[in-house]
Amino acid sequence: MMKKVLMGTMVLLLIGMGIAGEEEGKKLMIADFNSGKKPSNIGGDFGAWEKDPRDFDETCMISFFSTDKVGEKGFSLRVDYDVDSPRPAWNGVWFKLNGADFRPYDTLNLWIKGDPVKGFTTVFKIELKNSQGEVGKKYITGIEPKWKKFSIPFSEFMGITDFSSMEELVFVFEDRIATKKTGAIYVDEIYVSKEEK
């Protein structure tokens, strides 16, 4: 009797592991910010950057935010940007991808929300970079003062032909296209997935 119970338990465990493995295979979480600290879920560093750190009229800062997030636990990433400068200005946030293999996936997903108090741009650029130096660019448009999921097929990142070794994901706020040159957005649940056909 004990053997049967043990065998049944092992079968259930193996089935559960198979299902979990199958589910995990459909999605790779890059950063959910739930720990409220670095690194990202794939072990990569991330941070804010500026075109010209000597230009004090342009800035970008990041912070973890616990009271406004996707899901019930953890944090989101708040990005405070300012590209209101008399000189050409752009800045943003970078995420190291550590050579991650994106070939099992076909879509970049992320949740974005604009800050209704400080204001926000409704458009900014996302760049994906691989180890070969290829860069794909896509503009996110339609950001709102409530959480909204954006799903971008890899095919829209023109310029990247090889997704086997990805190096960096970058957000870019540009003075020439920002609908508001000073503001804040929140980002959460950045991941790649394989979309069902």
Protein backbone atom coordinates (compact mmCIF):
# COMPACT_ATOMS: atom_id res chain seq x y z
CA MET A 1 0.00 0.00 0.00
CA MET A 2 2.81 2.40 0.96
CA LYS A 3 4.57 1.68 -2.36
CA LYS A 4 1.40 2.54 -4.30
CA VAL A 5 1.01 5.83 -2.41
CA LEU A 6 4.67 6.72 -3.03
CA MET A 7 4.42 5.79 -6.72
CA GLY A 8 1.22 7.83 -7.09
CA THR A 9 2.86 10.82 -5.39
CA MET A 10 5.93 10.56 -7.65
CA VAL A 11 3.75 10.39 -10.77
CA LEU A 12 1.82 13.49 -9.66
CA LEU A 13 5.08 15.32 -8.93
CA LEU A 14 6.51 14.44 -12.35
CA ILE A 15 3.30 15.53 -14.08
CA GLY A 16 3.35 18.78 -12.09
CA MET A 17 6.98 19.39 -12.99
CA GLY A 18 6.18 18.78 -16.65
CA ILE A 19 3.30 21.23 -16.60
CA ALA A 20 5.40 23.83 -14.75
CA GLY A 21 8.24 23.35 -17.23
CA GLU A 22 5.82 23.74 -20.13
CA GLU A 23 4.37 26.94 -18.66
CA GLU A 24 7.83 28.36 -17.89
CA GLY A 25 8.89 27.61 -21.46
CA LYS A 26 6.26 30.00 -22.81
CA LYS A 27 7.56 32.99 -20.87
CA LEU A 28 10.86 34.43 -19.63
CA MET A 29 10.50 37.12 -16.96
CA ILE A 30 13.14 39.82 -17.45
CA ALA A 31 12.13 42.07 -14.55
CA ASP A 32 9.10 42.07 -12.25
CA PHE A 33 10.77 44.34 -9.60
CA ASN A 34 9.09 42.34 -6.82
CA SER A 35 12.26 42.23 -4.71
CA GLY A 36 12.57 46.03 -4.72
CA LYS A 37 16.27 45.79 -5.54
CA LYS A 38 18.72 44.83 -8.26
CA PRO A 39 19.49 42.65 -10.19
CA SER A 40 16.64 41.76 -12.55
CA ASN A 41 14.99 38.31 -12.64
CA ILE A 42 17.62 37.13 -15.16
CA GLY A 43 20.50 38.48 -13.08
CA GLY A 44 21.11 41.61 -15.14
CA ASP A 45 21.90 45.06 -13.82
CA PHE A 46 19.74 48.05 -14.81
CA GLY A 47 19.80 51.79 -14.31
CA ALA A 48 19.08 55.26 -15.64
CA TRP A 49 21.25 57.03 -18.22
CA GLU A 50 21.52 60.52 -19.75
CA LYS A 51 22.82 61.70 -23.11
CA ASP A 52 24.96 64.38 -21.46
CA PRO A 53 25.44 64.17 -17.67
CA ARG A 54 26.92 67.71 -17.82
CA ASP A 55 23.58 69.08 -19.01
CA PHE A 56 21.74 69.74 -15.74
CA ASP A 57 18.54 70.56 -17.65
CA GLU A 58 18.09 66.88 -18.52
CA THR A 59 17.84 64.08 -15.96
CA CYS A 60 16.54 60.56 -15.52
CA MET A 61 16.14 58.72 -12.21
CA ILE A 62 14.63 55.39 -11.23
CA SER A 63 13.12 54.21 -7.95
CA PHE A 64 11.10 51.24 -6.71
CA PHE A 65 7.46 51.98 -5.97
CA SER A 66 5.35 49.74 -3.73
CA THR A 67 1.95 51.43 -3.74
CA ASP A 68 1.28 51.30 -7.49
CA LYS A 69 2.15 48.07 -9.26
CA VAL A 70 0.82 45.21 -11.36
CA GLY A 71 -0.32 42.38 -9.09
CA GLU A 72 -0.73 42.27 -5.34
CA LYS A 73 2.88 42.06 -4.17
CA GLY A 74 6.25 43.65 -4.76
CA PHE A 75 7.10 46.88 -6.53
CA SER A 76 7.00 48.62 -9.89
CA LEU A 77 9.82 50.73 -11.33
CA ARG A 78 9.15 54.47 -11.35
CA VAL A 79 11.05 56.44 -14.00
CA ASP A 80 11.29 60.22 -13.54
CA TYR A 81 12.58 61.83 -16.72
CA ASP A 82 13.30 65.39 -17.87
CA VAL A 83 14.31 66.21 -21.45
CA ASP A 84 13.29 69.87 -21.27
CA SER A 85 16.65 71.37 -22.20
CA PRO A 86 17.69 74.18 -24.57
CA ARG A 87 20.12 71.62 -26.05
CA PRO A 88 19.15 68.35 -27.78
CA ALA A 89 18.26 65.96 -24.95
CA TRP A 90 17.41 62.31 -24.50
CA ASN A 91 17.77 59.82 -21.66
CA GLY A 92 16.18 56.69 -20.28
CA VAL A 93 16.68 53.31 -18.63
CA TRP A 94 18.83 50.32 -19.62
CA PHE A 95 18.46 46.64 -18.70
CA LYS A 96 21.31 44.17 -19.26
CA LEU A 97 20.03 40.91 -20.78
CA ASN A 98 23.23 38.91 -20.18
CA GLY A 99 23.21 37.12 -23.54
CA ALA A 100 19.72 35.64 -22.99
CA ASP A 101 18.45 33.39 -25.79
CA PHE A 102 15.16 34.83 -27.05
CA ARG A 103 14.71 32.28 -29.86
CA PRO A 104 12.00 30.29 -27.99
CA TYR A 105 9.91 33.48 -27.81
CA ASP A 106 8.42 35.96 -30.26
CA THR A 107 6.97 38.86 -28.23
CA LEU A 108 8.20 41.48 -25.75
CA ASN A 109 5.60 42.35 -23.09
CA LEU A 110 5.52 45.07 -20.47
CA TRP A 111 3.05 47.02 -18.36
CA ILE A 112 3.25 50.82 -18.39
CA LYS A 113 1.38 53.57 -16.59
CA GLY A 114 1.82 57.35 -16.72
CA ASP A 115 1.89 59.36 -13.51
CA PRO A 116 -1.39 61.33 -13.40
CA VAL A 117 -0.02 63.90 -10.93
CA LYS A 118 3.39 64.72 -12.44
CA GLY A 119 2.26 64.08 -16.00
CA PHE A 120 3.92 61.91 -18.63
CA THR A 121 4.76 61.50 -22.29
CA THR A 122 2.38 59.24 -24.20
CA VAL A 123 5.20 57.99 -26.42
CA PHE A 124 8.79 56.78 -25.98
CA LYS A 125 11.21 54.48 -27.78
CA ILE A 126 12.25 50.93 -26.90
CA GLU A 127 15.48 49.43 -28.25
CA LEU A 128 16.59 45.81 -28.25
CA LYS A 129 20.28 45.03 -28.82
CA ASN A 130 22.01 41.71 -29.46
CA SER A 131 25.60 40.52 -29.05
CA GLN A 132 26.33 41.11 -32.74
CA GLY A 133 25.69 44.84 -32.39
CA GLU A 134 22.31 44.77 -34.14
CA VAL A 135 19.70 47.20 -32.81
CA GLY A 136 15.93 47.04 -33.24
CA LYS A 137 13.76 50.06 -32.39
CA LYS A 138 10.05 50.44 -31.69
CA TYR A 139 8.01 53.40 -30.45
CA ILE A 140 5.48 52.73 -27.69
CA THR A 141 2.43 54.98 -28.11
CA GLY A 142 -0.84 55.35 -26.26
CA ILE A 143 0.46 55.41 -22.68
CA GLU A 144 -2.36 56.23 -20.24
CA PRO A 145 -2.71 57.24 -16.56
CA LYS A 146 -3.73 53.64 -15.77
CA TRP A 147 -1.87 50.35 -16.18
CA LYS A 148 -1.82 49.12 -19.77
CA LYS A 149 -0.10 46.06 -21.21
CA PHE A 150 1.96 46.46 -24.36
CA SER A 151 2.88 43.37 -26.40
CA ILE A 152 5.37 43.92 -29.23
CA PRO A 153 6.15 41.11 -31.71
CA PHE A 154 9.90 40.68 -32.31
CA SER A 155 9.17 41.16 -36.03
CA GLU A 156 8.51 44.85 -35.29
CA PHE A 157 12.08 45.34 -34.03
CA MET A 158 13.50 45.86 -37.52
CA GLY A 159 17.27 45.52 -37.63
CA ILE A 160 17.63 42.41 -35.48
CA THR A 161 18.15 39.17 -37.39
CA ASP A 162 19.50 37.02 -34.54
CA PHE A 163 17.75 36.65 -31.18
CA SER A 164 20.07 33.93 -29.84
CA SER A 165 22.17 36.22 -27.64
CA MET A 166 20.48 39.40 -26.45
CA GLU A 167 22.49 42.05 -24.64
CA GLU A 168 20.33 45.03 -23.73
CA LEU A 169 16.82 46.48 -23.53
CA VAL A 170 16.71 50.28 -23.48
CA PHE A 171 13.96 52.87 -22.92
CA VAL A 172 14.59 56.24 -24.58
CA PHE A 173 12.81 59.53 -23.79
CA GLU A 174 13.51 62.05 -26.56
CA ASP A 175 12.86 65.78 -26.45
CA ARG A 176 11.81 65.83 -30.12
CA ILE A 177 8.95 63.33 -29.69
CA ALA A 178 7.96 63.50 -26.01
CA THR A 179 4.39 64.77 -25.64
CA LYS A 180 5.44 66.06 -22.21
CA LYS A 181 9.13 66.80 -21.71
CA THR A 182 9.09 66.35 -17.94
CA GLY A 183 7.19 63.56 -16.23
CA ALA A 184 7.13 60.08 -14.76
CA ILE A 185 6.05 56.63 -15.87
CA TYR A 186 5.77 53.33 -14.03
CA VAL A 187 6.91 50.03 -15.56
CA ASP A 188 6.23 46.49 -14.37
CA GLU A 189 6.31 42.84 -15.49
CA ILE A 190 8.79 43.02 -18.39
CA TYR A 191 8.95 39.61 -20.06
CA VAL A 192 9.24 37.79 -23.39
CA SER A 193 6.75 35.14 -24.40
CA LYS A 194 5.69 32.79 -27.14
CA GLU A 195 2.27 33.89 -28.33
CA GLU A 196 -0.34 31.27 -29.15
CA LYS A 197 -1.23 31.15 -32.83
